[in-house]
């Protein structure tokens, strides 16, 4: 969120600077055009004898200036239109970023009812092959200095009917988000636990189990995994030559 606010402030300042530059350019063009028009008016007000004496000097100075100014004004309008389209696209991009950030922040946010009950319940749907083990989730908790944060408890509170769900020791790398203060912990392998599921050999159909994650403060995540188990057709025996 902090970086999003900085991006919005930077965009606003950039828009203001570019807009001020366009306005200054238009003011200069208008002032130059006014001067050229006054020069042309003075030339037209001269008597024929004065025009003859002055020759075409004033006309060659005034009239081309007006044409060049009009051309420059058209370029400025085109640039402003392009700039406006870029600004609109940038604003839409920021709104999209804000929406995605807000969604990501609310994915694991507890509702008032869940906070009152002390438990959050979620369901996950997965596919599995009979007889093949799935590694569902690396379980770990680290402190700010990347040391182990004790007190978290994990348990399978409802076992699957057609397979095995286990929590086994596992070594691996953490996967904190880049903007997390614990992102530096991702560089070092740690000891943790792995939540696994393995359906029975030859079983086809649906299976499920429920996993409980209990925080040191007593709040619980109850996650139910639902599996669509499929069995691979056995390969035909190779023909003997």
C-alpha atoms as a PDB file:
ATOM      1  CA  UNK A   1       0.000   0.000   0.000  1.00  0.00           C
ATOM      2  CA  UNK A   2       2.883   2.376   0.846  1.00  0.00           C
ATOM      3  CA  UNK A   3       4.411   1.940  -2.609  1.00  0.00           C
ATOM      4  CA  UNK A   4       0.998   2.433  -4.216  1.00  0.00           C
ATOM      5  CA  UNK A   5       0.585   5.787  -2.447  1.00  0.00           C
ATOM      6  CA  UNK A   6       4.063   6.856  -3.559  1.00  0.00           C
ATOM      7  CA  UNK A   7       3.200   5.875  -7.144  1.00  0.00           C
ATOM      8  CA  UNK A   8       0.009   7.967  -7.051  1.00  0.00           C
ATOM      9  CA  UNK A   9       1.892  10.989  -5.662  1.00  0.00           C
ATOM     10  CA  UNK A  10       4.592  10.601  -8.322  1.00  0.00           C
ATOM     11  CA  UNK A  11       1.982  10.369 -11.073  1.00  0.00           C
ATOM     12  CA  UNK A  12       0.189  13.495  -9.834  1.00  0.00           C
ATOM     13  CA  UNK A  13       3.437  15.494  -9.710  1.00  0.00           C
ATOM     14  CA  UNK A  14       4.435  14.280 -13.175  1.00  0.00           C
ATOM     15  CA  UNK A  15       1.034  15.219 -14.615  1.00  0.00           C
ATOM     16  CA  UNK A  16       1.274  18.681 -13.036  1.00  0.00           C
ATOM     17  CA  UNK A  17       4.788  19.299 -14.415  1.00  0.00           C
ATOM     18  CA  UNK A  18       3.870  18.234 -17.938  1.00  0.00           C
ATOM     19  CA  UNK A  19       0.618  20.214 -17.838  1.00  0.00           C
ATOM     20  CA  UNK A  20       2.489  23.329 -16.668  1.00  0.00           C
ATOM     21  CA  UNK A  21       4.962  22.883 -19.524  1.00  0.00           C
ATOM     22  CA  UNK A  22       2.125  22.671 -22.070  1.00  0.00           C
ATOM     23  CA  UNK A  23       0.421  25.759 -20.614  1.00  0.00           C
ATOM     24  CA  UNK A  24       3.682  27.719 -20.716  1.00  0.00           C
ATOM     25  CA  UNK A  25       4.235  26.697 -24.335  1.00  0.00           C
ATOM     26  CA  UNK A  26       0.721  27.796 -25.268  1.00  0.00           C
ATOM     27  CA  UNK A  27       1.181  31.141 -23.508  1.00  0.00           C
ATOM     28  CA  UNK A  28       4.418  31.773 -25.386  1.00  0.00           C
ATOM     29  CA  UNK A  29       2.744  30.828 -28.678  1.00  0.00           C
ATOM     30  CA  UNK A  30      -0.199  33.160 -27.985  1.00  0.00           C
ATOM     31  CA  UNK A  31       2.109  36.046 -27.035  1.00  0.00           C
ATOM     32  CA  UNK A  32       4.210  35.533 -30.159  1.00  0.00           C
ATOM     33  CA  UNK A  33       1.084  35.299 -32.301  1.00  0.00           C
ATOM     34  CA  UNK A  34      -0.259  38.549 -30.819  1.00  0.00           C
ATOM     35  CA  UNK A  35       3.016  40.332 -31.568  1.00  0.00           C
ATOM     36  CA  UNK A  36       3.006  39.035 -35.137  1.00  0.00           C
ATOM     37  CA  UNK A  37      -0.621  40.112 -35.630  1.00  0.00           C
ATOM     38  CA  UNK A  38       0.172  43.595 -34.349  1.00  0.00           C
ATOM     39  CA  UNK A  39       3.101  43.812 -36.754  1.00  0.00           C
ATOM     40  CA  UNK A  40       0.870  42.706 -39.622  1.00  0.00           C
ATOM     41  CA  UNK A  41      -1.799  45.250 -38.619  1.00  0.00           C
ATOM     42  CA  UNK A  42       0.800  48.016 -38.541  1.00  0.00           C
ATOM     43  CA  UNK A  43       2.003  46.991 -41.981  1.00  0.00           C
ATOM     44  CA  UNK A  44      -1.517  47.014 -43.382  1.00  0.00           C
ATOM     45  CA  UNK A  45      -2.108  50.477 -41.894  1.00  0.00           C
ATOM     46  CA  UNK A  46       0.855  51.978 -43.762  1.00  0.00           C
ATOM     47  CA  UNK A  47       0.299  54.135 -46.817  1.00  0.00           C
ATOM     48  CA  UNK A  48       1.192  52.666 -50.187  1.00  0.00           C
ATOM     49  CA  UNK A  49       4.305  54.866 -50.280  1.00  0.00           C
ATOM     50  CA  UNK A  50       5.442  53.634 -46.857  1.00  0.00           C
ATOM     51  CA  UNK A  51       4.762  50.050 -47.866  1.00  0.00           C
ATOM     52  CA  UNK A  52       6.845  50.596 -50.979  1.00  0.00           C
ATOM     53  CA  UNK A  53       9.684  52.017 -48.924  1.00  0.00           C
ATOM     54  CA  UNK A  54       9.470  49.251 -46.337  1.00  0.00           C
ATOM     55  CA  UNK A  55       9.270  46.671 -49.075  1.00  0.00           C
ATOM     56  CA  UNK A  56       8.275  43.170 -48.077  1.00  0.00           C
ATOM     57  CA  UNK A  57      10.436  43.079 -44.950  1.00  0.00           C
ATOM     58  CA  UNK A  58       7.601  43.396 -42.405  1.00  0.00           C
ATOM     59  CA  UNK A  59       5.371  40.974 -44.326  1.00  0.00           C
ATOM     60  CA  UNK A  60       8.102  38.358 -44.568  1.00  0.00           C
ATOM     61  CA  UNK A  61       8.655  38.665 -40.808  1.00  0.00           C
ATOM     62  CA  UNK A  62       5.008  38.775 -39.669  1.00  0.00           C
ATOM     63  CA  UNK A  63       3.143  36.373 -41.910  1.00  0.00           C
ATOM     64  CA  UNK A  64       5.501  33.377 -41.762  1.00  0.00           C
ATOM     65  CA  UNK A  65       5.533  33.804 -37.961  1.00  0.00           C
ATOM     66  CA  UNK A  66       1.755  33.436 -37.835  1.00  0.00           C
ATOM     67  CA  UNK A  67       1.883  30.292 -39.976  1.00  0.00           C
ATOM     68  CA  UNK A  68       4.636  28.754 -37.886  1.00  0.00           C
ATOM     69  CA  UNK A  69       2.741  29.605 -34.695  1.00  0.00           C
ATOM     70  CA  UNK A  70      -0.440  27.936 -35.979  1.00  0.00           C
ATOM     71  CA  UNK A  71       1.587  24.859 -36.890  1.00  0.00           C
ATOM     72  CA  UNK A  72       3.149  24.797 -33.432  1.00  0.00           C
ATOM     73  CA  UNK A  73      -0.270  25.187 -31.791  1.00  0.00           C
ATOM     74  CA  UNK A  74      -1.571  22.189 -33.746  1.00  0.00           C
ATOM     75  CA  UNK A  75       1.422  20.168 -32.571  1.00  0.00           C
ATOM     76  CA  UNK A  76       0.735  21.203 -28.986  1.00  0.00           C
ATOM     77  CA  UNK A  77      -2.907  20.129 -29.286  1.00  0.00           C
ATOM     78  CA  UNK A  78      -1.826  16.753 -30.697  1.00  0.00           C
ATOM     79  CA  UNK A  79       0.671  16.317 -27.881  1.00  0.00           C
ATOM     80  CA  UNK A  80      -1.951  17.241 -25.307  1.00  0.00           C
ATOM     81  CA  UNK A  81      -4.338  14.641 -26.745  1.00  0.00           C
ATOM     82  CA  UNK A  82      -1.631  11.953 -26.566  1.00  0.00           C
ATOM     83  CA  UNK A  83      -0.680  13.051 -23.072  1.00  0.00           C
ATOM     84  CA  UNK A  84      -4.324  12.910 -21.998  1.00  0.00           C
ATOM     85  CA  UNK A  85      -4.616   9.330 -23.275  1.00  0.00           C
ATOM     86  CA  UNK A  86      -1.447   8.367 -21.391  1.00  0.00           C
ATOM     87  CA  UNK A  87      -2.769   9.949 -18.196  1.00  0.00           C
ATOM     88  CA  UNK A  88      -6.072   8.090 -18.487  1.00  0.00           C
ATOM     89  CA  UNK A  89      -4.224   4.787 -19.060  1.00  0.00           C
ATOM     90  CA  UNK A  90      -1.941   5.467 -16.082  1.00  0.00           C
ATOM     91  CA  UNK A  91      -4.887   6.267 -13.809  1.00  0.00           C
ATOM     92  CA  UNK A  92      -6.703   3.103 -14.882  1.00  0.00           C
ATOM     93  CA  UNK A  93      -3.513   1.123 -14.266  1.00  0.00           C
ATOM     94  CA  UNK A  94      -3.207   2.574 -10.755  1.00  0.00           C
ATOM     95  CA  UNK A  95      -6.848   1.793  -9.990  1.00  0.00           C
ATOM     96  CA  UNK A  96      -6.297  -1.777 -11.194  1.00  0.00           C
ATOM     97  CA  UNK A  97      -3.179  -2.051  -9.048  1.00  0.00           C
ATOM     98  CA  UNK A  98      -5.103  -0.686  -6.081  1.00  0.00           C
ATOM     99  CA  UNK A  99      -7.923  -3.175  -6.641  1.00  0.00           C
ATOM    100  CA  UNK A 100      -5.491  -6.104  -6.886  1.00  0.00           C
ATOM    101  CA  UNK A 101      -3.633  -4.931  -3.775  1.00  0.00           C
ATOM    102  CA  UNK A 102      -6.874  -4.572  -1.836  1.00  0.00           C
ATOM    103  CA  UNK A 103      -7.981  -8.017  -2.997  1.00  0.00           C
ATOM    104  CA  UNK A 104      -4.678  -9.575  -1.965  1.00  0.00           C
ATOM    105  CA  UNK A 105      -4.898  -7.854   1.415  1.00  0.00           C
ATOM    106  CA  UNK A 106      -8.434  -9.162   1.967  1.00  0.00           C
ATOM    107  CA  UNK A 107      -7.826 -12.749   0.842  1.00  0.00           C
ATOM    108  CA  UNK A 108      -6.839 -13.886   4.347  1.00  0.00           C
ATOM    109  CA  UNK A 109      -8.588 -11.121   6.265  1.00  0.00           C
ATOM    110  CA  UNK A 110     -10.791 -12.354   9.057  1.00  0.00           C
ATOM    111  CA  UNK A 111     -14.433 -11.294   9.207  1.00  0.00           C
ATOM    112  CA  UNK A 112     -16.040 -10.104  12.431  1.00  0.00           C
ATOM    113  CA  UNK A 113     -17.878 -13.425  12.760  1.00  0.00           C
ATOM    114  CA  UNK A 114     -14.675 -15.411  12.292  1.00  0.00           C
ATOM    115  CA  UNK A 115     -12.826 -13.257  14.827  1.00  0.00           C
ATOM    116  CA  UNK A 116     -15.637 -13.750  17.329  1.00  0.00           C
ATOM    117  CA  UNK A 117     -15.595 -17.506  16.790  1.00  0.00           C
ATOM    118  CA  UNK A 118     -11.791 -17.655  16.719  1.00  0.00           C
ATOM    119  CA  UNK A 119     -11.736 -19.810  13.589  1.00  0.00           C
ATOM    120  CA  UNK A 120     -11.613 -19.317   9.820  1.00  0.00           C
ATOM    121  CA  UNK A 121     -12.899 -22.111   7.593  1.00  0.00           C
ATOM    122  CA  UNK A 122     -11.832 -22.528   3.975  1.00  0.00           C
ATOM    123  CA  UNK A 123     -12.048 -25.150   1.247  1.00  0.00           C
ATOM    124  CA  UNK A 124      -9.522 -26.057  -1.453  1.00  0.00           C
ATOM    125  CA  UNK A 125     -10.171 -28.268  -4.471  1.00  0.00           C
ATOM    126  CA  UNK A 126      -7.295 -30.312  -5.887  1.00  0.00           C
ATOM    127  CA  UNK A 127      -6.760 -33.103  -8.384  1.00  0.00           C
ATOM    128  CA  UNK A 128      -4.727 -36.208  -7.530  1.00  0.00           C
ATOM    129  CA  UNK A 129      -3.585 -39.445  -9.121  1.00  0.00           C
ATOM    130  CA  UNK A 130      -4.230 -42.657  -7.227  1.00  0.00           C
ATOM    131  CA  UNK A 131      -1.108 -43.949  -5.523  1.00  0.00           C
ATOM    132  CA  UNK A 132       0.819 -40.661  -5.990  1.00  0.00           C
ATOM    133  CA  UNK A 133       1.715 -38.391  -3.079  1.00  0.00           C
ATOM    134  CA  UNK A 134       0.923 -34.675  -3.156  1.00  0.00           C
ATOM    135  CA  UNK A 135       2.911 -32.106  -1.192  1.00  0.00           C
ATOM    136  CA  UNK A 136       0.210 -29.617  -0.333  1.00  0.00           C
ATOM    137  CA  UNK A 137       1.853 -27.052   1.927  1.00  0.00           C
ATOM    138  CA  UNK A 138       5.173 -26.272   3.581  1.00  0.00           C
ATOM    139  CA  UNK A 139       4.428 -25.437   7.224  1.00  0.00           C
ATOM    140  CA  UNK A 140       6.695 -22.962   9.031  1.00  0.00           C
ATOM    141  CA  UNK A 141       6.613 -19.782  11.125  1.00  0.00           C
ATOM    142  CA  UNK A 142       9.555 -17.392  11.395  1.00  0.00           C
ATOM    143  CA  UNK A 143      10.256 -14.344  13.514  1.00  0.00           C
ATOM    144  CA  UNK A 144      11.498 -11.019  12.096  1.00  0.00           C
ATOM    145  CA  UNK A 145      15.126 -12.154  12.435  1.00  0.00           C
ATOM    146  CA  UNK A 146      14.307 -15.374  10.528  1.00  0.00           C
ATOM    147  CA  UNK A 147      14.538 -17.497  13.667  1.00  0.00           C
ATOM    148  CA  UNK A 148      11.889 -20.113  14.334  1.00  0.00           C
ATOM    149  CA  UNK A 149       8.666 -18.763  15.841  1.00  0.00           C
ATOM    150  CA  UNK A 150       7.455 -21.404  18.275  1.00  0.00           C
ATOM    151  CA  UNK A 151       3.891 -21.971  19.376  1.00  0.00           C
ATOM    152  CA  UNK A 152       2.162 -22.893  16.094  1.00  0.00           C
ATOM    153  CA  UNK A 153       0.390 -26.263  16.066  1.00  0.00           C
ATOM    154  CA  UNK A 154      -0.811 -28.343  13.112  1.00  0.00           C
ATOM    155  CA  UNK A 155      -3.099 -31.371  13.012  1.00  0.00           C
ATOM    156  CA  UNK A 156      -5.245 -33.429  10.632  1.00  0.00           C
ATOM    157  CA  UNK A 157      -8.579 -33.374  12.480  1.00  0.00           C
ATOM    158  CA  UNK A 158     -10.583 -35.307   9.859  1.00  0.00           C
ATOM    159  CA  UNK A 159      -8.771 -38.053   7.996  1.00  0.00           C
ATOM    160  CA  UNK A 160      -9.452 -38.973   4.342  1.00  0.00           C
ATOM    161  CA  UNK A 161     -11.499 -42.111   3.677  1.00  0.00           C
ATOM    162  CA  UNK A 162      -9.567 -43.243   0.608  1.00  0.00           C
ATOM    163  CA  UNK A 163      -6.009 -42.234   1.306  1.00  0.00           C
ATOM    164  CA  UNK A 164      -3.513 -40.925   3.835  1.00  0.00           C
ATOM    165  CA  UNK A 165      -2.921 -37.346   5.023  1.00  0.00           C
ATOM    166  CA  UNK A 166       0.238 -36.730   7.032  1.00  0.00           C
ATOM    167  CA  UNK A 167       2.361 -33.939   8.495  1.00  0.00           C
ATOM    168  CA  UNK A 168       5.996 -34.949   8.075  1.00  0.00           C
ATOM    169  CA  UNK A 169       9.349 -33.206   8.718  1.00  0.00           C
ATOM    170  CA  UNK A 170      10.628 -31.255   5.728  1.00  0.00           C
ATOM    171  CA  UNK A 171      13.499 -28.913   4.854  1.00  0.00           C
ATOM    172  CA  UNK A 172      12.850 -26.167   2.338  1.00  0.00           C
ATOM    173  CA  UNK A 173      12.960 -22.474   1.502  1.00  0.00           C
ATOM    174  CA  UNK A 174      10.318 -20.060   2.839  1.00  0.00           C
ATOM    175  CA  UNK A 175       8.168 -18.194   0.307  1.00  0.00           C
ATOM    176  CA  UNK A 176       7.314 -14.840   1.863  1.00  0.00           C
ATOM    177  CA  UNK A 177       6.078 -12.094  -0.464  1.00  0.00           C
ATOM    178  CA  UNK A 178       8.622  -9.577  -1.765  1.00  0.00           C
ATOM    179  CA  UNK A 179       7.137  -6.695   0.234  1.00  0.00           C
ATOM    180  CA  UNK A 180       7.101  -8.722   3.448  1.00  0.00           C
ATOM    181  CA  UNK A 181       9.615  -7.755   6.157  1.00  0.00           C
ATOM    182  CA  UNK A 182      10.486 -11.463   6.291  1.00  0.00           C
ATOM    183  CA  UNK A 183      11.312 -11.698   2.559  1.00  0.00           C
ATOM    184  CA  UNK A 184      15.019 -11.868   3.435  1.00  0.00           C
ATOM    185  CA  UNK A 185      14.310 -15.238   5.096  1.00  0.00           C
ATOM    186  CA  UNK A 186      13.584 -16.769   1.674  1.00  0.00           C
ATOM    187  CA  UNK A 187      17.318 -17.038   0.954  1.00  0.00           C
ATOM    188  CA  UNK A 188      18.013 -19.639   3.629  1.00  0.00           C
ATOM    189  CA  UNK A 189      16.758 -23.214   3.870  1.00  0.00           C
ATOM    190  CA  UNK A 190      14.900 -23.975   7.097  1.00  0.00           C
ATOM    191  CA  UNK A 191      13.423 -26.904   8.971  1.00  0.00           C
ATOM    192  CA  UNK A 192       9.675 -27.211   8.895  1.00  0.00           C
ATOM    193  CA  UNK A 193       6.873 -29.646   8.178  1.00  0.00           C
ATOM    194  CA  UNK A 194       5.081 -30.711   5.001  1.00  0.00           C
ATOM    195  CA  UNK A 195       1.379 -31.455   4.702  1.00  0.00           C
ATOM    196  CA  UNK A 196       0.975 -34.405   2.319  1.00  0.00           C
ATOM    197  CA  UNK A 197      -1.841 -36.478   0.853  1.00  0.00           C
ATOM    198  CA  UNK A 198      -1.651 -39.814  -0.941  1.00  0.00           C
ATOM    199  CA  UNK A 199      -4.777 -41.543  -2.324  1.00  0.00           C
ATOM    200  CA  UNK A 200      -5.075 -45.304  -2.315  1.00  0.00           C
ATOM    201  CA  UNK A 201      -3.733 -47.274  -5.264  1.00  0.00           C
ATOM    202  CA  UNK A 202      -6.386 -47.772  -7.920  1.00  0.00           C
ATOM    203  CA  UNK A 203      -8.975 -45.515  -6.262  1.00  0.00           C
ATOM    204  CA  UNK A 204     -11.048 -43.199  -8.448  1.00  0.00           C
ATOM    205  CA  UNK A 205     -13.503 -40.665  -7.091  1.00  0.00           C
ATOM    206  CA  UNK A 206     -13.733 -37.939  -4.475  1.00  0.00           C
ATOM    207  CA  UNK A 207     -11.890 -37.774  -1.200  1.00  0.00           C
ATOM    208  CA  UNK A 208     -11.302 -35.104   1.445  1.00  0.00           C
ATOM    209  CA  UNK A 209      -9.665 -34.328   4.759  1.00  0.00           C
ATOM    210  CA  UNK A 210      -9.572 -31.378   7.160  1.00  0.00           C
ATOM    211  CA  UNK A 211      -6.386 -29.737   8.405  1.00  0.00           C
ATOM    212  CA  UNK A 212      -6.214 -27.416  11.436  1.00  0.00           C
ATOM    213  CA  UNK A 213      -3.615 -24.679  11.933  1.00  0.00           C
ATOM    214  CA  UNK A 214      -3.600 -23.185  15.429  1.00  0.00           C
ATOM    215  CA  UNK A 215      -1.747 -19.925  16.191  1.00  0.00           C
ATOM    216  CA  UNK A 216      -0.015 -19.204  19.529  1.00  0.00           C
ATOM    217  CA  UNK A 217      -2.796 -16.732  20.350  1.00  0.00           C
ATOM    218  CA  UNK A 218      -5.481 -19.389  19.934  1.00  0.00           C
ATOM    219  CA  UNK A 219      -6.883 -18.449  16.504  1.00  0.00           C
ATOM    220  CA  UNK A 220      -7.443 -21.365  14.147  1.00  0.00           C
ATOM    221  CA  UNK A 221      -7.481 -21.920  10.399  1.00  0.00           C
ATOM    222  CA  UNK A 222      -9.576 -24.941   9.436  1.00  0.00           C
ATOM    223  CA  UNK A 223      -8.785 -25.939   5.868  1.00  0.00           C
ATOM    224  CA  UNK A 224     -10.703 -28.686   4.095  1.00  0.00           C
ATOM    225  CA  UNK A 225      -9.027 -30.188   1.031  1.00  0.00           C
ATOM    226  CA  UNK A 226     -11.335 -31.835  -1.495  1.00  0.00           C
ATOM    227  CA  UNK A 227      -9.714 -34.107  -4.065  1.00  0.00           C
ATOM    228  CA  UNK A 228     -10.864 -35.451  -7.401  1.00  0.00           C
ATOM    229  CA  UNK A 229      -8.821 -38.637  -7.584  1.00  0.00           C
ATOM    230  CA  UNK A 230      -8.099 -40.168 -10.942  1.00  0.00           C
ATOM    231  CA  UNK A 231      -6.369 -43.384 -11.877  1.00  0.00           C
ATOM    232  CA  UNK A 232      -4.083 -43.668 -14.851  1.00  0.00           C
ATOM    233  CA  UNK A 233      -4.890 -46.477 -17.248  1.00  0.00           C
ATOM    234  CA  UNK A 234      -2.192 -49.139 -17.068  1.00  0.00           C
ATOM    235  CA  UNK A 235       0.090 -49.221 -20.069  1.00  0.00           C
ATOM    236  CA  UNK A 236      -0.337 -52.282 -22.293  1.00  0.00           C
ATOM    237  CA  UNK A 237       2.549 -54.744 -22.051  1.00  0.00           C
ATOM    238  CA  UNK A 238       5.212 -54.331 -24.680  1.00  0.00           C
ATOM    239  CA  UNK A 239       4.942 -56.760 -27.541  1.00  0.00           C
ATOM    240  CA  UNK A 240       7.626 -59.372 -27.631  1.00  0.00           C
ATOM    241  CA  UNK A 241       9.677 -59.439 -30.783  1.00  0.00           C
END
